[in-house]
Protein backbone atom coordinates (compact mmCIF):
# COMPACT_ATOMS: atom_id res chain seq x y z
CA MET A 1 17.52 0.24 8.88
CA ALA A 2 14.61 -1.86 7.61
CA MET A 3 11.01 -1.64 8.68
CA CYS A 4 7.64 -2.91 7.58
CA LEU A 5 4.94 -0.43 6.67
CA ALA A 6 1.23 -0.84 6.22
CA VAL A 7 0.38 0.59 2.81
CA PRO A 8 -2.97 1.66 1.33
CA GLY A 9 -4.18 0.05 -1.86
CA LYS A 10 -7.32 -0.08 -3.98
CA VAL A 11 -9.28 -3.31 -4.42
CA ALA A 12 -9.29 -4.06 -8.15
CA GLU A 13 -10.79 -7.57 -8.17
CA ILE A 14 -12.13 -10.02 -5.58
CA PHE A 15 -11.79 -13.80 -5.88
CA GLN A 16 -11.64 -17.01 -3.86
CA GLU A 17 -8.43 -18.97 -3.48
CA ASP A 18 -8.61 -22.32 -1.68
CA GLY A 19 -11.78 -21.11 0.07
CA VAL A 20 -10.19 -17.86 1.24
CA ARG A 21 -11.51 -14.47 0.10
CA MET A 22 -8.69 -12.67 -1.70
CA CYS A 23 -8.29 -9.63 -3.89
CA ARG A 24 -6.04 -8.16 -6.51
CA MET A 25 -4.89 -4.90 -4.88
CA ASP A 26 -3.63 -1.90 -6.86
CA PHE A 27 -0.74 -0.07 -5.23
CA GLY A 28 -0.31 2.78 -7.70
CA GLY A 29 -0.04 0.49 -10.72
CA VAL A 30 1.68 -2.37 -8.91
CA PHE A 31 -0.76 -5.24 -8.35
CA ARG A 32 -0.49 -7.85 -5.61
CA ASN A 33 -2.75 -10.57 -4.25
CA VAL A 34 -4.00 -9.69 -0.76
CA CYS A 35 -5.98 -11.73 1.77
CA LEU A 36 -9.34 -10.23 2.79
CA VAL A 37 -10.07 -12.50 5.76
CA TYR A 38 -10.09 -9.51 8.15
CA LEU A 39 -12.30 -7.36 5.88
CA PRO A 40 -15.13 -9.63 4.70
CA ASP A 41 -17.37 -6.73 3.62
CA ILE A 42 -14.90 -4.74 1.49
CA SER A 43 -15.76 -4.43 -2.20
CA VAL A 44 -14.10 -3.57 -5.51
CA GLY A 45 -13.11 0.10 -5.69
CA GLN A 46 -12.64 0.54 -1.95
CA TYR A 47 -9.30 1.19 -0.26
CA ALA A 48 -7.64 -0.76 2.52
CA ILE A 49 -4.46 -0.66 4.54
CA VAL A 50 -2.35 -3.75 3.79
CA HIS A 51 0.33 -5.26 6.00
CA ALA A 52 2.20 -8.50 5.31
CA GLY A 53 -0.25 -9.53 2.60
CA PHE A 54 -3.40 -8.96 4.67
CA ALA A 55 -5.91 -6.13 4.30
CA ILE A 56 -6.23 -5.02 7.92
CA SER A 57 -8.34 -1.85 7.81
CA ALA A 58 -10.66 -0.17 5.32
CA VAL A 59 -9.96 3.52 4.65
CA ASP A 60 -11.63 6.16 2.54
CA GLU A 61 -10.04 7.34 -0.70
CA ALA A 62 -8.96 10.71 0.75
CA THR A 63 -7.08 9.04 3.60
CA ALA A 64 -5.43 6.57 1.22
CA GLN A 65 -4.34 9.36 -1.15
CA GLN A 66 -3.02 11.48 1.74
CA THR A 67 -0.96 8.54 3.01
CA LEU A 68 0.43 7.82 -0.47
CA GLN A 69 1.33 11.50 -0.86
CA LEU A 70 3.23 11.40 2.44
CA PHE A 71 5.14 8.32 1.24
CA ASP A 72 6.05 10.20 -1.97
CA GLU A 73 7.30 13.16 0.08
CA ILE A 74 9.41 10.85 2.25
CA ASP A 75 10.90 9.26 -0.90
CA SER A 76 11.72 12.71 -2.31
CA LEU A 77 13.36 13.83 0.93
CA GLN A 78 15.38 10.62 1.14
CA ALA A 79 16.53 10.95 -2.48
CA ALA A 80 17.54 14.58 -1.87
CA ALA A 81 19.46 13.62 1.27
CA GLU A 82 21.25 10.80 -0.55
CA SER A 83 22.08 13.11 -3.44
CA ALA A 84 23.46 15.73 -1.05
CA GLY A 85 25.54 13.04 0.65
CA ASP A 86 26.93 11.92 -2.72
CA ASN A 87 27.89 15.50 -3.57
CA GLU A 88 29.73 15.92 -0.25
CA THR A 89 31.97 12.93 -0.94
CA GLU A 90 33.10 14.19 -4.36
């Protein structure tokens, strides 16, 4: 099953691209260009929820970190479940 998630990231740099306000967003060491058209007042160092390449909502650092921690826990649970499934087939 595939799904799209909105993910929090930290604004590392703001720039203009073809007249559109953009940023370089840090997702835990992975950097992507993100459109800031919906968040014209966000600044470097702030966090935002990003979906499909657009920053859609500003969030505080604590909320962003809590969300990232939940994603890490989900990844760990999924890896453990897959590992258990691999062990059952042996």
